[in-house]
Amino acid sequence: MLIILGGLPGTGKTTIARALARQLHAVHVRVDTIEQSIRASGGLNSDIGPAGYVAAYGVAKDNLTLDNTVIADSVNCLRVTRDAWLSVAERSGKSAIEVEIICSDKVEHRRRVETRKTDVRGLAKPTWEEITNRVYEDWMPRPLVIDTAKRGVDELVTDLISKLGLIKKSTKS
C-alpha cells in the first residue's frame, strides 16, 4: 500500500510519517531529504523543480514492487503531484490512500514553523510568510484529514492506523 501524506510545512507530516513508518515497519520516502540531497550533489541549482518528486516516485515504486508499505511524505500542494503519487501505486498494482495533514490552530501552526529546527543538513525551512503565500490547491475529492492541532503523535498514529484498516506487523523474530 502507498500512504500519501501531504500538507503545508509545519503541520506535522514528517513527525506523523516517521511514527507511522515505525508502527507499520514501512518505508518512509521524504521528498525534503531527496531534494536536499540533489542540491548537495552540486548537480542542480537551488531551484530543482520536480527532480525531488520524480526521484521519490521511483524509490516508492521500487519499494511497492517489493510489497513494502510506503509512506510518501511531501507537501503535495499541487494536484499534479498527488495524481503522480496515485499513478505510482496504480503502476505498481498497489492500493493508495491520500491523507492530508493539517494544523487547524493557526497560532500553533505558526509557532511550530517559527521554532522548528531542520533535521536535514543544509535544508532551509520556509518562513511563515512563504507558507501562507504558497499556492496550495484544494484536495478534490477530499482525502482523509488528520488534524495535529490538539492531539499527540501516538494518538494520531493509532487513529490513522485504525482509519486505514491496517494492522501493525508482528515484531516477532
Protein backbone atom coordinates (compact mmCIF):
# COMPACT_ATOMS: atom_id res chain seq x y z
CA MET A 1 0.00 0.00 0.00
CA LEU A 2 1.07 3.58 -0.68
CA ILE A 3 0.11 6.06 2.04
CA ILE A 4 0.39 9.56 0.56
CA LEU A 5 0.80 12.26 3.20
CA GLY A 6 0.50 15.90 2.21
CA GLY A 7 0.00 19.25 3.86
CA LEU A 8 1.64 22.58 4.45
CA PRO A 9 5.09 22.72 6.07
CA GLY A 10 4.93 22.69 9.87
CA THR A 11 1.68 20.73 10.17
CA GLY A 12 3.44 17.59 11.40
CA LYS A 13 3.71 15.46 8.25
CA THR A 14 7.21 14.16 8.88
CA THR A 15 6.54 13.53 12.57
CA ILE A 16 3.43 11.52 11.66
CA ALA A 17 5.20 9.79 8.75
CA ARG A 18 8.08 8.62 10.93
CA ALA A 19 5.85 7.34 13.71
CA LEU A 20 3.56 5.61 11.21
CA ALA A 21 6.54 4.03 9.43
CA ARG A 22 7.85 2.68 12.74
CA GLN A 23 4.45 1.22 13.66
CA LEU A 24 3.89 -0.39 10.26
CA HIS A 25 7.53 -1.27 9.53
CA ALA A 26 7.03 0.74 6.34
CA VAL A 27 9.40 2.63 4.06
CA HIS A 28 9.42 6.39 4.66
CA VAL A 29 10.06 8.35 1.45
CA ARG A 30 10.64 12.02 2.32
CA VAL A 31 10.83 14.47 -0.57
CA ASP A 32 12.65 17.13 1.54
CA THR A 33 15.56 14.73 2.10
CA ILE A 34 15.71 13.75 -1.55
CA GLU A 35 15.55 17.36 -2.76
CA GLN A 36 18.28 18.49 -0.37
CA SER A 37 20.47 15.54 -1.37
CA ILE A 38 20.09 16.57 -5.02
CA ARG A 39 21.04 20.16 -4.13
CA ALA A 40 24.04 18.96 -2.10
CA SER A 41 25.29 16.90 -5.04
CA GLY A 42 26.04 20.11 -6.90
CA GLY A 43 24.28 18.78 -9.96
CA LEU A 44 21.44 21.32 -9.89
CA ASN A 45 20.88 24.81 -8.54
CA SER A 46 18.64 25.53 -5.57
CA ASP A 47 15.51 25.50 -7.77
CA ILE A 48 15.49 21.83 -8.58
CA GLY A 49 11.94 21.82 -9.94
CA PRO A 50 10.27 18.42 -10.00
CA ALA A 51 13.51 16.39 -9.63
CA GLY A 52 12.94 15.52 -5.96
CA TYR A 53 9.40 14.36 -6.52
CA VAL A 54 10.35 12.35 -9.62
CA ALA A 55 13.16 10.61 -7.69
CA ALA A 56 10.75 9.92 -4.81
CA TYR A 57 8.22 8.36 -7.19
CA GLY A 58 10.91 5.97 -8.41
CA VAL A 59 12.01 4.99 -4.89
CA ALA A 60 8.38 4.46 -3.87
CA LYS A 61 7.64 2.32 -6.94
CA ASP A 62 10.70 0.13 -6.31
CA ASN A 63 9.59 -0.47 -2.72
CA LEU A 64 5.94 -1.08 -3.62
CA THR A 65 7.11 -3.67 -6.15
CA LEU A 66 8.85 -5.43 -3.25
CA ASP A 67 5.49 -5.49 -1.40
CA ASN A 68 6.63 -2.89 1.13
CA THR A 69 4.17 -0.40 2.54
CA VAL A 70 5.43 3.03 1.53
CA ILE A 71 4.70 6.33 3.27
CA ALA A 72 5.19 9.28 0.93
CA ASP A 73 5.99 12.47 2.86
CA SER A 74 5.75 15.71 0.87
CA VAL A 75 3.80 18.95 0.76
CA ASN A 76 1.84 17.83 -2.32
CA CYS A 77 0.48 21.33 -2.81
CA LEU A 78 -0.41 20.68 -6.44
CA ARG A 79 -2.92 18.24 -7.86
CA VAL A 80 -0.34 17.08 -10.42
CA THR A 81 1.93 15.75 -7.65
CA ARG A 82 -0.97 14.00 -5.93
CA ASP A 83 -2.03 12.42 -9.22
CA ALA A 84 1.55 11.30 -9.84
CA TRP A 85 1.66 9.50 -6.47
CA LEU A 86 -1.62 7.76 -7.31
CA SER A 87 -0.14 6.75 -10.67
CA VAL A 88 2.87 5.20 -8.89
CA ALA A 89 0.55 2.98 -6.87
CA GLU A 90 -1.50 2.07 -9.93
CA ARG A 91 1.58 1.14 -11.98
CA SER A 92 2.77 -1.00 -9.05
CA GLY A 93 -0.58 -2.74 -8.74
CA LYS A 94 -0.97 -1.48 -5.16
CA SER A 95 -3.65 0.45 -3.35
CA ALA A 96 -3.14 4.05 -2.29
CA ILE A 97 -4.71 6.35 0.24
CA GLU A 98 -4.30 10.10 0.45
CA VAL A 99 -4.02 11.74 3.87
CA GLU A 100 -3.92 15.50 4.31
CA ILE A 101 -2.18 16.61 7.49
CA ILE A 102 -3.43 19.94 8.83
CA CYS A 103 -2.96 22.06 11.93
CA SER A 104 -6.26 23.88 12.39
CA ASP A 105 -4.84 26.11 15.14
CA LYS A 106 -3.06 28.85 13.16
CA VAL A 107 -1.26 30.19 16.24
CA GLU A 108 0.14 26.71 16.98
CA HIS A 109 0.98 26.14 13.31
CA ARG A 110 2.92 29.41 13.16
CA ARG A 111 4.71 28.61 16.45
CA ARG A 112 5.85 25.28 15.01
CA VAL A 113 7.06 26.88 11.79
CA GLU A 114 8.99 29.59 13.62
CA THR A 115 10.61 27.35 16.24
CA ARG A 116 11.40 24.11 14.44
CA LYS A 117 14.91 23.14 13.52
CA THR A 118 15.87 21.37 10.34
CA ASP A 119 16.99 17.77 10.59
CA VAL A 120 18.24 17.69 7.00
CA ARG A 121 21.66 19.27 6.73
CA GLY A 122 21.55 22.40 4.57
CA LEU A 123 17.78 22.45 4.20
CA ALA A 124 16.34 25.93 4.67
CA LYS A 125 12.86 25.66 6.16
CA PRO A 126 10.24 28.02 4.69
CA THR A 127 9.15 31.05 6.69
CA TRP A 128 5.58 31.57 7.91
CA GLU A 129 5.09 34.19 5.18
CA GLU A 130 6.33 31.79 2.48
CA ILE A 131 3.96 29.10 3.77
CA THR A 132 0.91 31.36 3.93
CA ASN A 133 1.63 32.74 0.43
CA ARG A 134 2.20 29.32 -1.11
CA VAL A 135 -0.08 28.03 -3.84
CA TYR A 136 -1.94 25.12 -2.27
CA GLU A 137 -4.59 23.56 -4.47
CA ASP A 138 -7.67 22.10 -2.82
CA TRP A 139 -7.77 18.32 -2.48
CA MET A 140 -10.68 17.12 -4.55
CA PRO A 141 -12.07 14.67 -3.75
CA ARG A 142 -11.39 15.25 -0.09
CA PRO A 143 -8.85 12.80 1.37
CA LEU A 144 -8.68 11.52 4.90
CA VAL A 145 -7.79 14.56 7.05
CA ILE A 146 -5.69 14.37 10.21
CA ASP A 147 -5.59 17.49 12.41
CA THR A 148 -2.45 17.69 14.54
CA ALA A 149 -3.50 20.81 16.49
CA LYS A 150 -4.80 19.24 19.68
CA ARG A 151 -3.68 15.60 19.84
CA GLY A 152 -0.34 13.89 20.36
CA VAL A 153 1.57 11.88 17.79
CA ASP A 154 0.89 8.46 19.32
CA GLU A 155 -2.86 9.09 19.48
CA LEU A 156 -2.91 10.47 15.92
CA VAL A 157 -0.99 7.50 14.52
CA THR A 158 -3.18 4.97 16.35
CA ASP A 159 -6.25 6.73 14.98
CA LEU A 160 -4.77 6.84 11.46
CA ILE A 161 -3.90 3.13 11.51
CA SER A 162 -7.46 2.38 12.62
CA LYS A 163 -8.96 4.56 9.88
CA LEU A 164 -6.73 2.95 7.27
CA GLY A 165 -7.81 -0.50 8.45
CA LEU A 166 -4.20 -1.53 8.92
CA ILE A 167 -2.88 -3.95 11.47
CA LYS A 168 0.59 -3.49 12.90
CA LYS A 169 3.00 -6.09 11.59
CA SER A 170 4.22 -8.56 14.15
CA THR A 171 7.57 -7.80 15.76
CA LYS A 172 8.26 -11.48 16.48
CA SER A 173 11.56 -12.88 15.25
